[in-house]
Amino acid sequence: MNRQRNRGRVTAAALAAMCAAAVLPGQAHAAGPGVYAFDPDAKNVQGAATNVEASTLDEGVPYRSMIKPGEKLYYRVTLDDASAAYVSAVAVPGDAGAVAYGDGITVSLRETDDTRCDSGQATFGSGAYARPITAYASRTVKEGGSTCHEGGPYDVLVERESKAGSSQEPWGLELRFLQEPKLKNGTSMPTEAPESWPSASAKPLTGKQQKRSGGSGFSEATSLENGRWQDTVAPGQTRFYRVPVDWGQQLYASAGLSNTTSGGEEFVGSALTLSLANPAQGQVSDATLSYSGGPASASLRPLPPVAYRNRFDSSSQVSAMRFAGWYYLSVSLSPKLKESYGAEPIPFELSVQVKNQAGESPYEGDAGVFGVTDQDREVARKGQNAEQAAKSGPMTVVAAAGIGTGTVLVLGLGVWTLLARRRASAAGHPAGGGNQPSAQGW
């Protein structure tokens, strides 16, 4: 009898835990200060010192690598002869590693004869503190162009710059290779940058503030919709979020750091960095604020509405707003605050506004990561990250795969039936009788 009771308790406890997992899909778990959450599906890959020995990166697959100070590492991708292509690298220094102004990474895409197609750079800037930074390089096919247009193998070169006084520890790398979908047949796309766009700052939001915890990497980024979002960030920590921005829509974002209750008043320059990256994880823009213990805020400069023609602009900020999809916001707090204000997290508010109606996609078929769906908007409303959204998607519910509602209901009925039979057996009666429960902006 005791053995039966124990089994019942274990089964009930397991069911309770599964129920809890099923009804709490939107909880984000941010790691401690300085800890970056690499994509759990990332494959390990080693960069090569020579291009002929470079490992190939498959499209759409996340990779994890490592780079030392002064290293120049080659990887390889295979491009078709029509699609725009993007290769990004997120550099992840150690949480205690010292960095200097100008330290960072450069990513370039090259033909195998070393002809450069494009390059992008990311540095730690005036803040000069270790945090994840991202850069990307692209290949845009232009009519009448003479280089980087043919299909075939291309080299990806990732270079690290670190001053002599900076940490000499290796940095982690998170790599991605993406190709833009093909345009619709017969679509005449613009070939020049926009002449003008609305550049006024957005009015501050006045709605109710809500709490939502950020993730610790791009793969864990917590989804947001329009609103005022409250979270906390500790010295040396970075929080990640993502916002769906469709064609023709314009994104505004600001971060306001709360006053501290520790009583300190020491001035810390570039104490907080608010950064924006596009769906290909290319750097778009950032803003910083200084801190003296009182409330302080920073806003991203107004950015153009998402449009295909933005890619032809000479400004990297405008050019990066070239396609729809999930745009990533990150909030980093300098570890220097720990000296004057302690290690406890400080509250902050992240204000997000996406304006304008969504326009039509220029792509043929499914846009993949370069589009926004109704399901994406629902995911943003719920505050789920990518993994949580995948587990709670329509097919998961229909098939009752993983820990879904269907699984919980079936298991619940099975557990109820099992316990009922045991009780009936103990009482000397069959378990079958009685009342049973029924189960356009191009």
Protein backbone atom coordinates (compact mmCIF):
# COMPACT_ATOMS: atom_id res chain seq x y z
CA MET A 1 0.00 0.00 0.00
CA ASN A 2 2.81 2.45 0.87
CA ARG A 3 4.52 1.57 -2.40
CA GLN A 4 1.32 2.35 -4.32
CA ARG A 5 0.95 5.69 -2.52
CA ASN A 6 4.55 6.64 -3.29
CA ARG A 7 4.07 5.82 -6.96
CA GLY A 8 0.91 7.93 -7.00
CA ARG A 9 2.74 10.86 -5.40
CA VAL A 10 5.62 10.64 -7.89
CA THR A 11 3.26 10.43 -10.84
CA ALA A 12 1.17 13.33 -9.56
CA ALA A 13 4.28 15.39 -8.95
CA ALA A 14 5.54 14.71 -12.46
CA LEU A 15 2.14 15.67 -13.86
CA ALA A 16 2.13 18.89 -11.85
CA ALA A 17 5.58 19.79 -13.14
CA MET A 18 4.52 19.11 -16.72
CA CYS A 19 1.37 21.19 -16.28
CA ALA A 20 3.45 24.05 -14.95
CA ALA A 21 5.74 23.84 -17.96
CA ALA A 22 2.79 23.79 -20.32
CA VAL A 23 1.01 26.86 -18.91
CA LEU A 24 4.08 29.03 -18.48
CA PRO A 25 5.42 29.38 -22.03
CA GLY A 26 6.71 32.93 -21.90
CA GLN A 27 9.16 32.97 -19.03
CA ALA A 28 12.63 34.18 -20.10
CA HIS A 29 15.65 33.13 -18.09
CA ALA A 30 18.57 35.53 -18.29
CA ALA A 31 21.95 34.23 -17.21
CA GLY A 32 24.22 35.97 -14.75
CA PRO A 33 26.42 38.96 -15.60
CA GLY A 34 28.78 38.41 -18.50
CA VAL A 35 27.28 35.05 -19.50
CA TYR A 36 26.18 34.87 -23.15
CA ALA A 37 23.68 32.22 -24.22
CA PHE A 38 24.94 30.74 -27.48
CA ASP A 39 22.32 29.23 -29.75
CA PRO A 40 21.70 25.71 -28.37
CA ASP A 41 21.61 24.37 -31.94
CA ALA A 42 24.98 25.89 -32.87
CA LYS A 43 27.53 23.53 -34.42
CA ASN A 44 31.19 23.84 -33.49
CA VAL A 45 33.44 24.99 -36.31
CA GLN A 46 37.11 25.95 -36.34
CA GLY A 47 38.34 28.90 -38.36
CA ALA A 48 41.32 28.32 -40.65
CA ALA A 49 44.45 30.40 -41.04
CA THR A 50 44.38 29.80 -44.82
CA ASN A 51 41.34 30.12 -47.07
CA VAL A 52 41.88 26.81 -48.86
CA GLU A 53 41.49 24.99 -45.53
CA ALA A 54 38.32 26.86 -44.51
CA SER A 55 35.30 24.93 -43.22
CA THR A 56 32.00 25.48 -45.03
CA LEU A 57 29.08 27.20 -43.29
CA ASP A 58 25.65 25.94 -44.33
CA GLU A 59 22.86 28.43 -44.90
CA GLY A 60 20.55 29.01 -41.94
CA VAL A 61 22.66 26.95 -39.51
CA PRO A 62 24.13 28.66 -36.41
CA TYR A 63 27.80 27.96 -35.68
CA ARG A 64 30.06 28.46 -32.69
CA SER A 65 33.76 29.21 -33.01
CA MET A 66 36.60 31.04 -31.23
CA ILE A 67 39.13 33.74 -32.12
CA LYS A 68 42.35 34.90 -30.45
CA PRO A 69 43.88 38.42 -30.43
CA GLY A 70 45.21 39.39 -33.86
CA GLU A 71 43.87 36.26 -35.54
CA LYS A 72 42.49 36.23 -39.07
CA LEU A 73 40.20 33.26 -39.53
CA TYR A 74 38.67 31.97 -42.75
CA TYR A 75 35.34 30.22 -43.25
CA ARG A 76 33.63 29.41 -46.54
CA VAL A 77 30.10 29.78 -47.94
CA THR A 78 28.51 28.83 -51.25
CA LEU A 79 26.36 31.50 -52.94
CA ASP A 80 23.99 31.30 -55.88
CA ASP A 81 24.11 33.85 -58.70
CA ALA A 82 21.02 35.86 -57.72
CA SER A 83 20.42 36.11 -53.97
CA ALA A 84 21.65 38.76 -51.59
CA ALA A 85 23.73 37.03 -48.89
CA TYR A 86 24.74 37.88 -45.32
CA VAL A 87 27.31 36.44 -42.93
CA SER A 88 27.30 37.69 -39.34
CA ALA A 89 29.61 37.16 -36.39
CA VAL A 90 28.75 37.87 -32.76
CA ALA A 91 31.94 38.36 -30.74
CA VAL A 92 31.63 37.29 -27.10
CA PRO A 93 34.53 38.34 -24.84
CA GLY A 94 34.91 37.00 -21.32
CA ASP A 95 33.09 38.88 -18.57
CA ALA A 96 36.31 39.91 -16.81
CA GLY A 97 38.38 40.68 -19.90
CA ALA A 98 39.61 44.25 -20.33
CA VAL A 99 38.95 45.88 -23.71
CA ALA A 100 40.02 49.22 -25.17
CA TYR A 101 38.57 51.76 -27.57
CA GLY A 102 38.93 50.33 -31.06
CA ASP A 103 38.99 46.69 -29.96
CA GLY A 104 36.54 44.60 -31.96
CA ILE A 105 36.01 42.43 -35.01
CA THR A 106 35.81 42.91 -38.77
CA VAL A 107 33.84 40.54 -40.99
CA SER A 108 34.41 40.53 -44.75
CA LEU A 109 32.98 38.51 -47.61
CA ARG A 110 35.45 37.83 -50.44
CA GLU A 111 35.81 36.01 -53.71
CA THR A 112 38.38 33.21 -53.53
CA ASP A 113 40.92 35.45 -55.31
CA ASP A 114 40.60 37.83 -52.30
CA THR A 115 38.43 40.42 -54.09
CA ARG A 116 36.41 41.99 -51.30
CA CYS A 117 32.63 42.08 -51.75
CA ASP A 118 31.79 43.87 -48.51
CA SER A 119 32.91 44.22 -44.90
CA GLY A 120 31.48 45.29 -41.55
CA GLN A 121 33.11 46.24 -38.28
CA ALA A 122 32.00 46.26 -34.65
CA THR A 123 33.94 47.81 -31.75
CA PHE A 124 33.29 48.45 -28.07
CA GLY A 125 33.42 52.20 -28.68
CA SER A 126 33.84 54.83 -26.01
CA GLY A 127 32.30 52.56 -23.37
CA ALA A 128 35.31 50.25 -23.69
CA TYR A 129 33.83 47.41 -21.67
CA ALA A 130 33.39 43.78 -22.63
CA ARG A 131 29.97 42.82 -23.99
CA PRO A 132 28.62 40.92 -27.02
CA ILE A 133 29.04 42.89 -30.26
CA THR A 134 27.96 41.92 -33.76
CA ALA A 135 29.07 42.69 -37.32
CA TYR A 136 28.11 41.39 -40.75
CA ALA A 137 29.14 41.46 -44.39
CA SER A 138 26.83 41.16 -47.37
CA ARG A 139 26.72 40.39 -51.09
CA THR A 140 24.17 42.44 -53.06
CA VAL A 141 23.62 41.52 -56.69
CA LYS A 142 23.39 44.68 -58.82
CA GLU A 143 22.48 44.79 -62.49
CA GLY A 144 25.59 45.52 -64.53
CA GLY A 145 27.94 44.71 -61.66
CA SER A 146 31.26 43.02 -62.35
CA THR A 147 32.36 41.49 -59.02
CA CYS A 148 30.85 39.09 -56.46
CA HIS A 149 27.92 38.17 -58.73
CA GLU A 150 28.69 34.65 -59.83
CA GLY A 151 27.52 31.58 -57.98
CA GLY A 152 30.09 29.42 -56.22
CA PRO A 153 32.39 29.41 -53.17
CA TYR A 154 33.20 32.62 -51.29
CA ASP A 155 35.51 33.27 -48.35
CA VAL A 156 34.41 34.75 -45.04
CA LEU A 157 37.23 36.43 -43.14
CA VAL A 158 36.83 37.29 -39.44
CA GLU A 159 39.57 39.47 -37.91
CA ARG A 160 40.05 40.45 -34.28
CA GLU A 161 41.68 43.69 -33.11
CA SER A 162 42.87 43.86 -29.49
CA LYS A 163 45.26 46.43 -28.06
CA ALA A 164 48.37 45.30 -26.15
CA GLY A 165 46.83 46.29 -22.81
CA SER A 166 43.56 44.45 -23.49
CA SER A 167 42.71 40.93 -22.39
CA GLN A 168 44.48 38.32 -24.50
CA GLU A 169 41.89 35.64 -23.79
CA PRO A 170 40.06 34.05 -26.76
CA TRP A 171 36.63 35.39 -27.66
CA GLY A 172 33.70 33.19 -28.54
CA LEU A 173 32.11 33.64 -31.97
CA GLU A 174 28.55 32.92 -33.06
CA LEU A 175 28.33 32.73 -36.87
CA ARG A 176 25.38 32.74 -39.27
CA PHE A 177 25.02 32.63 -43.04
CA LEU A 178 21.72 33.68 -44.64
CA GLN A 179 20.50 34.32 -48.19
CA GLU A 180 17.63 36.65 -48.98
CA PRO A 181 14.62 35.10 -50.75
CA LYS A 182 14.16 35.65 -54.46
CA LEU A 183 12.07 38.61 -55.56
CA LYS A 184 8.67 38.15 -57.14
CA ASN A 185 8.71 37.57 -60.89
CA GLY A 186 8.23 40.77 -62.82
CA THR A 187 8.85 42.94 -59.76
CA SER A 188 10.62 46.17 -60.63
CA MET A 189 12.63 47.09 -57.56
CA PRO A 190 14.19 50.49 -56.88
CA THR A 191 17.92 50.81 -57.33
CA GLU A 192 18.46 54.10 -55.51
CA ALA A 193 18.35 55.09 -51.84
CA PRO A 194 15.31 56.97 -50.46
CA GLU A 195 15.54 60.72 -50.91
CA SER A 196 13.75 61.48 -47.64
CA TRP A 197 11.88 59.81 -44.80
CA PRO A 198 10.21 60.86 -41.49
CA SER A 199 13.10 61.69 -39.16
CA ALA A 200 11.30 63.29 -36.21
CA SER A 201 11.62 61.63 -32.80
CA ALA A 202 8.61 59.74 -31.49
CA LYS A 203 6.57 61.16 -28.63
CA PRO A 204 7.16 59.37 -25.31
CA LEU A 205 4.74 56.56 -24.50
CA THR A 206 2.37 57.10 -21.57
CA GLY A 207 0.75 53.67 -21.25
CA LYS A 208 1.02 51.30 -18.32
CA GLN A 209 4.46 49.82 -17.70
CA GLN A 210 4.75 46.02 -17.86
CA LYS A 211 7.47 43.64 -16.68
CA ARG A 212 9.26 41.38 -19.14
CA SER A 213 12.63 39.71 -18.57
CA GLY A 214 15.21 39.76 -21.39
CA GLY A 215 17.30 36.81 -22.54
CA SER A 216 21.07 36.35 -22.52
CA GLY A 217 21.71 36.00 -26.25
CA PHE A 218 20.15 36.44 -29.69
CA SER A 219 18.62 32.96 -29.53
CA GLU A 220 17.03 33.77 -26.15
CA ALA A 221 15.83 37.27 -27.07
CA THR A 222 12.45 38.01 -25.46
CA SER A 223 9.77 39.18 -27.89
CA LEU A 224 8.26 42.64 -27.40
CA GLU A 225 5.44 44.64 -28.96
CA ASN A 226 4.70 48.35 -28.58
CA GLY A 227 4.85 49.40 -24.96
CA ARG A 228 6.88 50.33 -21.90
CA TRP A 229 8.77 47.29 -20.61
CA GLN A 230 10.45 47.05 -17.22
CA ASP A 231 13.43 44.81 -16.48
CA THR A 232 16.66 44.85 -14.48
CA VAL A 233 20.28 44.67 -15.60
CA ALA A 234 23.36 44.04 -13.47
CA PRO A 235 26.82 45.56 -14.03
CA GLY A 236 28.53 43.55 -16.79
CA GLN A 237 25.27 42.04 -18.02
CA THR A 238 23.47 42.27 -21.38
CA ARG A 239 19.75 41.69 -21.90
CA PHE A 240 18.38 40.74 -25.34
CA TYR A 241 14.95 41.43 -26.87
CA ARG A 242 13.40 41.25 -30.33
CA VAL A 243 10.66 43.23 -32.07
CA PRO A 244 8.80 42.29 -35.29
CA VAL A 245 9.14 45.13 -37.84
CA ASP A 246 7.40 44.70 -41.19
CA TRP A 247 7.85 46.42 -44.57
CA GLY A 248 7.11 50.13 -44.35
CA GLN A 249 7.19 50.16 -40.55
CA GLN A 250 9.41 52.46 -38.49
CA LEU A 251 11.00 51.45 -35.18
CA TYR A 252 11.71 53.74 -32.22
CA ALA A 253 13.37 52.62 -28.99
CA SER A 254 14.74 54.18 -25.82
CA ALA A 255 16.10 52.93 -22.50
CA GLY A 256 15.77 54.69 -19.16
CA LEU A 257 17.97 53.59 -16.25
CA SER A 258 16.50 54.02 -12.77
CA ASN A 259 18.13 55.81 -9.88
CA THR A 260 20.10 53.62 -7.50
CA THR A 261 19.29 53.18 -3.82
CA SER A 262 22.92 52.57 -2.84
CA GLY A 263 23.54 56.26 -2.27
CA GLY A 264 26.47 56.58 -4.69
CA GLU A 265 26.95 59.61 -6.95
CA GLU A 266 30.06 58.66 -8.91
CA PHE A 267 30.01 59.61 -12.61
CA VAL A 268 30.32 56.71 -15.06
CA GLY A 269 30.56 57.58 -18.75
CA SER A 270 28.82 55.33 -21.28
CA ALA A 271 27.31 53.40 -18.40
CA LEU A 272 24.54 51.82 -20.47
CA THR A 273 24.51 50.90 -24.15
CA LEU A 274 21.30 50.36 -26.10
CA SER A 275 21.99 48.54 -29.39
CA LEU A 276 19.87 47.53 -32.38
CA ALA A 277 20.65 44.71 -34.83
CA ASN A 278 18.66 43.69 -37.91
CA PRO A 279 17.23 40.22 -38.77
CA ALA A 280 20.61 39.16 -40.23
CA GLN A 281 22.17 40.20 -36.91
CA GLY A 282 23.96 43.12 -38.50
CA GLN A 283 24.60 46.17 -36.35
CA VAL A 284 22.16 49.01 -37.09
CA SER A 285 22.59 51.66 -34.40
CA ASP A 286 23.33 52.24 -30.73
CA ALA A 287 22.98 54.87 -28.04
CA THR A 288 24.71 55.35 -24.69
CA LEU A 289 23.99 57.15 -21.44
CA SER A 290 26.17 58.35 -18.59
CA TYR A 291 25.20 57.69 -14.98
CA SER A 292 25.63 59.46 -11.65
CA GLY A 293 23.17 57.52 -9.52
CA GLY A 294 20.07 59.35 -10.75
CA PRO A 295 17.59 58.54 -13.53
CA ALA A 296 19.10 58.73 -17.04
CA SER A 297 17.88 57.80 -20.51
CA ALA A 298 19.11 57.25 -24.08
CA SER A 299 17.24 56.89 -27.37
CA LEU A 300 18.21 55.45 -30.73
CA ARG A 301 18.38 58.07 -33.46
CA PRO A 302 15.28 57.99 -35.69
CA LEU A 303 15.66 55.29 -38.33
CA PRO A 304 13.91 55.05 -41.72
CA PRO A 305 10.93 52.79 -42.34
CA VAL A 306 11.94 49.31 -43.46
CA ALA A 307 12.38 49.43 -47.25
CA TYR A 308 14.22 47.44 -49.92
CA ARG A 309 15.72 50.64 -51.33
CA ASN A 310 17.47 51.44 -48.02
CA ARG A 311 20.29 49.06 -48.98
CA PHE A 312 21.54 51.55 -51.54
CA ASP A 313 22.09 54.33 -48.97
CA SER A 314 25.66 55.27 -48.04
CA SER A 315 24.75 55.44 -44.33
CA SER A 316 25.22 52.08 -42.64
CA GLN A 317 22.30 52.82 -40.29
CA VAL A 318 19.89 53.44 -43.16
CA SER A 319 21.29 50.59 -45.24
CA ALA A 320 20.76 48.10 -42.41
CA MET A 321 16.98 48.78 -42.38
CA ARG A 322 16.66 46.87 -45.66
CA PHE A 323 14.29 44.02 -44.84
CA ALA A 324 11.45 43.02 -42.55
CA GLY A 325 11.75 40.51 -39.71
CA TRP A 326 12.77 40.35 -36.07
CA TYR A 327 14.94 43.31 -35.05
CA TYR A 328 17.06 42.76 -31.94
CA LEU A 329 17.48 45.22 -29.07
CA SER A 330 20.14 44.70 -26.41
CA VAL A 331 20.78 46.59 -23.18
CA SER A 332 24.28 46.38 -21.67
CA LEU A 333 25.39 47.84 -18.34
CA SER A 334 29.04 48.68 -17.74
CA PRO A 335 30.83 46.58 -15.08
CA LYS A 336 32.37 49.86 -13.84
CA LEU A 337 29.13 50.59 -12.00
CA LYS A 338 29.91 47.74 -9.63
CA GLU A 339 32.73 49.76 -8.01
CA SER A 340 30.47 52.65 -7.00
CA TYR A 341 26.96 51.21 -6.93
CA GLY A 342 27.41 47.54 -6.06
CA ALA A 343 26.66 44.36 -7.99
CA GLU A 344 22.87 44.38 -7.59
CA PRO A 345 20.78 44.73 -10.77
CA ILE A 346 19.36 48.18 -11.49
CA PRO A 347 15.81 48.59 -12.86
CA PHE A 348 15.38 50.10 -16.30
CA GLU A 349 12.57 50.77 -18.75
CA LEU A 350 12.72 49.85 -22.43
CA SER A 351 10.26 51.81 -24.56
CA VAL A 352 9.36 50.34 -27.96
CA GLN A 353 7.23 51.89 -30.71
CA VAL A 354 6.60 50.44 -34.18
CA LYS A 355 4.64 52.82 -36.39
CA ASN A 356 2.82 52.53 -39.77
CA GLN A 357 0.77 49.77 -41.33
CA ALA A 358 2.62 46.74 -42.68
CA GLY A 359 3.35 46.76 -46.41
CA GLU A 360 3.52 43.92 -48.92
CA SER A 361 6.54 41.65 -49.08
CA PRO A 362 8.59 41.86 -52.32
CA TYR A 363 9.65 38.21 -52.06
CA GLU A 364 8.38 35.15 -53.86
CA GLY A 365 6.90 32.64 -51.43
CA ASP A 366 7.91 32.29 -47.80
CA ALA A 367 10.16 35.13 -46.63
CA GLY A 368 11.62 33.12 -43.73
CA VAL A 369 13.55 35.31 -41.28
CA PHE A 370 13.10 38.28 -43.63
CA GLY A 371 9.37 38.61 -43.02
CA VAL A 372 6.77 39.09 -40.29
CA THR A 373 3.76 36.80 -39.89
CA ASP A 374 0.61 37.02 -37.80
CA GLN A 375 2.11 34.28 -35.64
CA ASP A 376 5.18 36.48 -35.04
CA ARG A 377 2.93 39.28 -33.82
CA GLU A 378 1.17 36.85 -31.49
CA VAL A 379 4.54 35.64 -30.19
CA ALA A 380 5.48 39.28 -29.49
CA ARG A 381 2.23 39.79 -27.62
CA LYS A 382 2.96 36.74 -25.44
CA GLY A 383 6.61 37.69 -24.87
CA GLN A 384 8.07 34.38 -26.03
CA ASN A 385 11.57 33.79 -27.30
CA ALA A 386 12.24 31.67 -30.41
CA GLU A 387 12.49 28.34 -28.57
CA GLN A 388 9.33 28.95 -26.55
CA ALA A 389 7.46 30.01 -29.68
CA ALA A 390 8.55 26.85 -31.52
CA LYS A 391 7.37 24.63 -28.67
CA SER A 392 3.97 26.32 -28.47
CA GLY A 393 3.39 26.58 -32.23
CA PRO A 394 0.22 25.30 -33.96
CA MET A 395 1.76 21.97 -35.05
CA THR A 396 2.96 21.30 -31.53
CA VAL A 397 -0.54 21.72 -30.15
CA VAL A 398 -2.14 19.63 -32.90
CA ALA A 399 0.35 16.80 -32.59
CA ALA A 400 0.60 17.13 -28.80
CA ALA A 401 4.38 16.93 -29.21
CA GLY A 402 6.79 17.74 -26.40
CA ILE A 403 5.18 19.18 -23.29
CA GLY A 404 2.03 20.55 -24.88
CA THR A 405 -1.50 20.96 -23.62
CA GLY A 406 -2.63 17.83 -25.46
CA THR A 407 0.09 15.75 -23.79
CA VAL A 408 -0.82 17.08 -20.36
CA LEU A 409 -4.52 16.30 -20.85
CA VAL A 410 -3.80 12.77 -22.09
CA LEU A 411 -1.33 12.13 -19.29
CA GLY A 412 -3.76 13.59 -16.79
CA LEU A 413 -6.51 11.23 -17.91
CA GLY A 414 -4.10 8.30 -17.85
CA VAL A 415 -2.92 9.13 -14.34
CA TRP A 416 -6.53 9.56 -13.14
CA THR A 417 -7.49 6.18 -14.63
CA LEU A 418 -4.43 4.48 -13.11
CA LEU A 419 -5.10 5.87 -9.64
CA ALA A 420 -8.80 5.03 -9.89
CA ARG A 421 -7.98 1.41 -10.73
CA ARG A 422 -5.58 1.14 -7.83
CA ARG A 423 -8.12 2.57 -5.40
CA ALA A 424 -10.80 0.26 -6.76
CA SER A 425 -8.46 -2.74 -6.54
CA ALA A 426 -7.59 -1.87 -2.96
CA ALA A 427 -11.32 -1.71 -2.14
CA GLY A 428 -12.02 -5.00 -3.92
CA HIS A 429 -14.20 -3.50 -6.70
CA PRO A 430 -13.69 -3.26 -10.46
CA ALA A 431 -12.55 0.12 -11.77
CA GLY A 432 -14.86 0.34 -14.78
CA GLY A 433 -18.15 1.36 -13.17
CA GLY A 434 -19.49 4.63 -11.86
CA ASN A 435 -19.33 8.13 -13.32
CA GLN A 436 -16.08 8.89 -15.09
CA PRO A 437 -14.90 12.27 -16.41
CA SER A 438 -14.97 13.09 -20.16
CA ALA A 439 -12.01 13.62 -21.60
CA GLN A 440 4.14 47.97 -49.23
CA GLY A 441 7.25 49.80 -48.28
CA TRP A 442 9.86 48.81 -50.88
